[in-house]
Amino acid sequence: VLQSILNIVDFDMDLEEATLAKRVHHQWQPDTLEIEFSIDDGIRNDLELIGYDINITAPLTCIQTIMYKDNKFSGYGDFRRPDAFASGKINDR
């Protein structure tokens, strides 16, 4: 989730781009960087060159996103979960 928020706030991605972006995961133990298999080989090689122990994985997470911007809501369903979708209801007041 944090990666998607950072993609929107810090990297100016729209909701779809942030939801579809490739993801990585790292924690203290084991000291391994997990990357989705779709991450470019050049990036993987660069990470290994600077010392990362890389584990290539299937998609790491699945998120469903919703954003309120410019007085409207938008949502996006992550392709990593094929049966997921964004849905909503508008209440007129």
N, C-alpha and C. Protein backbone atom coordinates (compact mmCIF):
# COMPACT_ATOMS: atom_id res chain seq x y z
N VAL A 1 0.83 -1.18 0.00
CA VAL A 1 0.00 0.00 0.00
C VAL A 1 0.88 1.26 0.00
N LEU A 2 1.91 1.25 0.83
CA LEU A 2 2.78 2.43 0.91
C LEU A 2 3.40 2.76 -0.44
N GLN A 3 3.84 1.74 -1.17
CA GLN A 3 4.44 2.01 -2.48
C GLN A 3 3.45 2.71 -3.40
N SER A 4 2.19 2.32 -3.35
CA SER A 4 1.17 2.95 -4.20
C SER A 4 0.93 4.40 -3.78
N ILE A 5 0.88 4.65 -2.49
CA ILE A 5 0.70 6.02 -2.01
C ILE A 5 1.88 6.89 -2.42
N LEU A 6 3.09 6.37 -2.24
CA LEU A 6 4.29 7.13 -2.64
C LEU A 6 4.31 7.38 -4.14
N ASN A 7 3.86 6.42 -4.92
CA ASN A 7 3.82 6.62 -6.37
C ASN A 7 2.91 7.78 -6.75
N ILE A 8 1.83 7.96 -6.03
CA ILE A 8 0.91 9.07 -6.30
C ILE A 8 1.47 10.38 -5.77
N VAL A 9 1.87 10.39 -4.50
CA VAL A 9 2.30 11.62 -3.84
C VAL A 9 3.66 12.10 -4.32
N ASP A 10 4.63 11.20 -4.39
CA ASP A 10 6.00 11.60 -4.70
C ASP A 10 6.38 11.50 -6.17
N PHE A 11 5.71 10.61 -6.91
CA PHE A 11 6.10 10.38 -8.30
C PHE A 11 5.01 10.79 -9.29
N ASP A 12 3.98 11.48 -8.80
CA ASP A 12 2.92 12.06 -9.64
C ASP A 12 2.24 11.05 -10.56
N MET A 13 2.11 9.81 -10.12
CA MET A 13 1.37 8.83 -10.91
C MET A 13 -0.12 9.02 -10.69
N ASP A 14 -0.92 8.68 -11.70
CA ASP A 14 -2.35 8.67 -11.47
C ASP A 14 -2.71 7.35 -10.78
N LEU A 15 -3.99 7.20 -10.45
CA LEU A 15 -4.41 6.04 -9.66
C LEU A 15 -4.13 4.73 -10.39
N GLU A 16 -4.41 4.68 -11.68
CA GLU A 16 -4.17 3.46 -12.45
C GLU A 16 -2.68 3.12 -12.49
N GLU A 17 -1.84 4.09 -12.79
CA GLU A 17 -0.39 3.85 -12.84
C GLU A 17 0.14 3.35 -11.50
N ALA A 18 -0.30 3.98 -10.42
CA ALA A 18 0.18 3.60 -9.09
C ALA A 18 -0.27 2.19 -8.71
N THR A 19 -1.49 1.82 -9.10
CA THR A 19 -2.01 0.49 -8.80
C THR A 19 -1.28 -0.58 -9.60
N LEU A 20 -0.96 -0.28 -10.85
CA LEU A 20 -0.33 -1.26 -11.73
C LEU A 20 1.19 -1.33 -11.60
N ALA A 21 1.79 -0.38 -10.90
CA ALA A 21 3.25 -0.33 -10.80
C ALA A 21 3.82 -1.61 -10.19
N LYS A 22 4.99 -1.97 -10.65
CA LYS A 22 5.69 -3.15 -10.12
C LYS A 22 6.10 -2.89 -8.68
N ARG A 23 6.17 -3.96 -7.90
CA ARG A 23 6.41 -3.80 -6.46
C ARG A 23 7.61 -4.60 -5.99
N VAL A 24 8.17 -4.12 -4.89
CA VAL A 24 9.29 -4.79 -4.23
C VAL A 24 8.96 -4.93 -2.75
N HIS A 25 9.66 -5.85 -2.09
CA HIS A 25 9.48 -6.03 -0.64
C HIS A 25 10.83 -6.37 -0.03
N HIS A 26 11.13 -5.73 1.10
CA HIS A 26 12.35 -6.05 1.85
C HIS A 26 12.05 -5.94 3.33
N GLN A 27 12.60 -6.85 4.09
CA GLN A 27 12.50 -6.78 5.54
C GLN A 27 13.84 -7.16 6.13
N TRP A 28 13.98 -6.99 7.43
CA TRP A 28 15.28 -7.22 8.07
C TRP A 28 15.75 -8.66 7.89
N GLN A 29 14.95 -9.63 8.24
CA GLN A 29 15.32 -11.04 8.10
C GLN A 29 14.21 -11.78 7.38
N PRO A 30 14.46 -12.53 6.36
CA PRO A 30 15.77 -12.69 5.74
C PRO A 30 16.15 -11.42 4.98
N ASP A 31 17.43 -11.19 4.87
CA ASP A 31 17.94 -9.98 4.22
C ASP A 31 17.92 -10.18 2.70
N THR A 32 16.73 -10.27 2.16
CA THR A 32 16.53 -10.54 0.73
C THR A 32 15.53 -9.53 0.18
N LEU A 33 15.81 -9.02 -1.00
CA LEU A 33 14.90 -8.12 -1.69
C LEU A 33 14.03 -8.95 -2.61
N GLU A 34 12.73 -8.96 -2.36
CA GLU A 34 11.80 -9.67 -3.23
C GLU A 34 11.30 -8.70 -4.28
N ILE A 35 11.37 -9.12 -5.54
CA ILE A 35 10.88 -8.28 -6.63
C ILE A 35 9.94 -9.10 -7.50
N GLU A 36 8.92 -8.44 -8.03
CA GLU A 36 7.99 -9.13 -8.92
C GLU A 36 8.72 -9.55 -10.19
N PHE A 37 8.34 -10.70 -10.73
CA PHE A 37 9.02 -11.25 -11.90
C PHE A 37 8.98 -10.31 -13.10
N SER A 38 8.05 -9.38 -13.13
CA SER A 38 7.92 -8.48 -14.28
C SER A 38 8.88 -7.29 -14.24
N ILE A 39 9.64 -7.16 -13.16
CA ILE A 39 10.61 -6.06 -13.08
C ILE A 39 11.74 -6.32 -14.08
N ASP A 40 12.11 -5.28 -14.78
CA ASP A 40 13.11 -5.34 -15.85
C ASP A 40 14.41 -6.01 -15.40
N ASP A 41 14.96 -6.86 -16.26
CA ASP A 41 16.22 -7.56 -15.94
C ASP A 41 17.36 -6.58 -15.67
N GLY A 42 17.38 -5.46 -16.37
CA GLY A 42 18.43 -4.46 -16.14
C GLY A 42 18.40 -3.91 -14.73
N ILE A 43 17.20 -3.66 -14.23
CA ILE A 43 17.06 -3.17 -12.85
C ILE A 43 17.51 -4.25 -11.87
N ARG A 44 17.08 -5.48 -12.12
CA ARG A 44 17.49 -6.58 -11.25
C ARG A 44 19.01 -6.72 -11.23
N ASN A 45 19.63 -6.67 -12.40
CA ASN A 45 21.09 -6.78 -12.47
C ASN A 45 21.78 -5.64 -11.73
N ASP A 46 21.26 -4.42 -11.88
CA ASP A 46 21.84 -3.27 -11.17
C ASP A 46 21.75 -3.46 -9.66
N LEU A 47 20.62 -3.96 -9.18
CA LEU A 47 20.45 -4.19 -7.74
C LEU A 47 21.42 -5.25 -7.24
N GLU A 48 21.61 -6.30 -8.02
CA GLU A 48 22.57 -7.34 -7.62
C GLU A 48 24.00 -6.80 -7.62
N LEU A 49 24.32 -5.93 -8.56
CA LEU A 49 25.67 -5.35 -8.63
C LEU A 49 26.01 -4.52 -7.40
N ILE A 50 24.99 -3.90 -6.79
CA ILE A 50 25.26 -3.10 -5.59
C ILE A 50 25.06 -3.90 -4.31
N GLY A 51 24.89 -5.23 -4.45
CA GLY A 51 24.92 -6.08 -3.27
C GLY A 51 23.62 -6.67 -2.78
N TYR A 52 22.51 -6.42 -3.45
CA TYR A 52 21.24 -6.99 -3.00
C TYR A 52 21.16 -8.47 -3.35
N ASP A 53 20.65 -9.25 -2.41
CA ASP A 53 20.30 -10.64 -2.65
C ASP A 53 18.86 -10.62 -3.15
N ILE A 54 18.65 -11.02 -4.40
CA ILE A 54 17.35 -10.87 -5.06
C ILE A 54 16.59 -12.19 -5.07
N ASN A 55 15.31 -12.13 -4.77
CA ASN A 55 14.41 -13.26 -4.93
C ASN A 55 13.28 -12.80 -5.85
N ILE A 56 13.16 -13.43 -7.01
CA ILE A 56 12.11 -13.07 -7.97
C ILE A 56 10.86 -13.84 -7.60
N THR A 57 9.74 -13.13 -7.48
CA THR A 57 8.50 -13.75 -7.02
C THR A 57 7.35 -13.48 -7.98
N ALA A 58 6.29 -14.21 -7.77
CA ALA A 58 5.02 -13.90 -8.42
C ALA A 58 4.54 -12.57 -7.84
N PRO A 59 3.46 -12.00 -8.35
CA PRO A 59 2.99 -10.73 -7.79
C PRO A 59 2.90 -10.77 -6.27
N LEU A 60 3.38 -9.70 -5.66
CA LEU A 60 3.53 -9.67 -4.20
C LEU A 60 2.24 -9.37 -3.46
N THR A 61 1.51 -8.41 -3.91
CA THR A 61 0.32 -7.98 -3.20
C THR A 61 -0.76 -7.60 -4.20
N CYS A 62 -1.94 -7.42 -3.70
CA CYS A 62 -3.05 -6.97 -4.52
C CYS A 62 -3.78 -5.88 -3.74
N ILE A 63 -3.96 -4.73 -4.36
CA ILE A 63 -4.69 -3.66 -3.69
C ILE A 63 -5.82 -3.16 -4.57
N GLN A 64 -6.85 -2.69 -3.95
CA GLN A 64 -7.93 -2.00 -4.65
C GLN A 64 -7.85 -0.56 -4.17
N THR A 65 -7.85 0.37 -5.10
CA THR A 65 -7.59 1.76 -4.74
C THR A 65 -8.79 2.65 -5.00
N ILE A 66 -8.88 3.68 -4.19
CA ILE A 66 -9.90 4.71 -4.37
C ILE A 66 -9.26 6.05 -4.01
N MET A 67 -9.61 7.07 -4.76
CA MET A 67 -9.03 8.39 -4.54
C MET A 67 -10.12 9.46 -4.69
N TYR A 68 -10.04 10.45 -3.84
CA TYR A 68 -10.91 11.62 -3.95
C TYR A 68 -10.06 12.80 -4.36
N LYS A 69 -10.31 13.31 -5.55
CA LYS A 69 -9.52 14.42 -6.08
C LYS A 69 -10.39 15.26 -6.99
N ASP A 70 -10.22 16.56 -6.90
CA ASP A 70 -10.99 17.49 -7.73
C ASP A 70 -12.49 17.26 -7.62
N ASN A 71 -12.95 17.02 -6.40
CA ASN A 71 -14.37 16.85 -6.10
C ASN A 71 -14.99 15.60 -6.71
N LYS A 72 -14.19 14.60 -7.01
CA LYS A 72 -14.76 13.35 -7.50
C LYS A 72 -13.94 12.16 -7.01
N PHE A 73 -14.62 11.04 -6.91
CA PHE A 73 -13.99 9.79 -6.53
C PHE A 73 -13.62 9.00 -7.78
N SER A 74 -12.50 8.29 -7.70
CA SER A 74 -12.14 7.34 -8.75
C SER A 74 -11.58 6.10 -8.07
N GLY A 75 -11.70 4.97 -8.74
CA GLY A 75 -11.21 3.73 -8.17
C GLY A 75 -10.56 2.87 -9.24
N TYR A 76 -9.75 1.93 -8.79
CA TYR A 76 -9.09 1.04 -9.74
C TYR A 76 -8.87 -0.32 -9.10
N GLY A 77 -9.16 -1.38 -9.85
CA GLY A 77 -8.96 -2.75 -9.39
C GLY A 77 -7.64 -3.30 -9.90
N ASP A 78 -6.88 -3.91 -9.03
CA ASP A 78 -5.55 -4.42 -9.34
C ASP A 78 -5.64 -5.69 -10.19
N PHE A 79 -4.90 -5.74 -11.30
CA PHE A 79 -4.90 -6.91 -12.18
C PHE A 79 -4.34 -8.15 -11.49
N ARG A 80 -3.61 -7.97 -10.41
CA ARG A 80 -3.00 -9.11 -9.71
C ARG A 80 -4.05 -10.03 -9.11
N ARG A 81 -5.25 -9.53 -9.02
CA ARG A 81 -6.40 -10.34 -8.58
C ARG A 81 -7.47 -10.19 -9.65
N PRO A 82 -7.54 -11.14 -10.57
CA PRO A 82 -8.39 -10.99 -11.75
C PRO A 82 -9.87 -10.75 -11.46
N ASP A 83 -10.37 -11.18 -10.32
CA ASP A 83 -11.78 -10.99 -10.02
C ASP A 83 -12.05 -9.70 -9.24
N ALA A 84 -11.05 -8.85 -9.12
CA ALA A 84 -11.20 -7.61 -8.34
C ALA A 84 -11.66 -6.46 -9.23
N PHE A 85 -12.39 -5.55 -8.65
CA PHE A 85 -12.82 -4.36 -9.37
C PHE A 85 -13.15 -3.27 -8.37
N ALA A 86 -13.20 -2.06 -8.86
CA ALA A 86 -13.59 -0.93 -8.02
C ALA A 86 -15.06 -0.65 -8.28
N SER A 87 -15.79 -0.34 -7.25
CA SER A 87 -17.21 -0.05 -7.40
C SER A 87 -17.60 0.98 -6.36
N GLY A 88 -18.68 1.67 -6.61
CA GLY A 88 -19.10 2.68 -5.65
C GLY A 88 -20.54 3.07 -5.83
N LYS A 89 -21.00 3.90 -4.92
CA LYS A 89 -22.37 4.39 -4.95
C LYS A 89 -22.32 5.88 -4.69
N ILE A 90 -23.09 6.62 -5.45
CA ILE A 90 -23.15 8.07 -5.27
C ILE A 90 -24.42 8.42 -4.52
N ASN A 91 -24.26 9.15 -3.44
CA ASN A 91 -25.40 9.63 -2.67
C ASN A 91 -25.60 11.09 -2.97
N ASP A 92 -26.72 11.44 -3.57
CA ASP A 92 -27.04 12.84 -3.80
C ASP A 92 -27.68 13.39 -2.54
N ARG A 93 -27.22 14.56 -2.15
CA ARG A 93 -27.78 15.16 -0.93
C ARG A 93 -28.46 16.44 -1.26
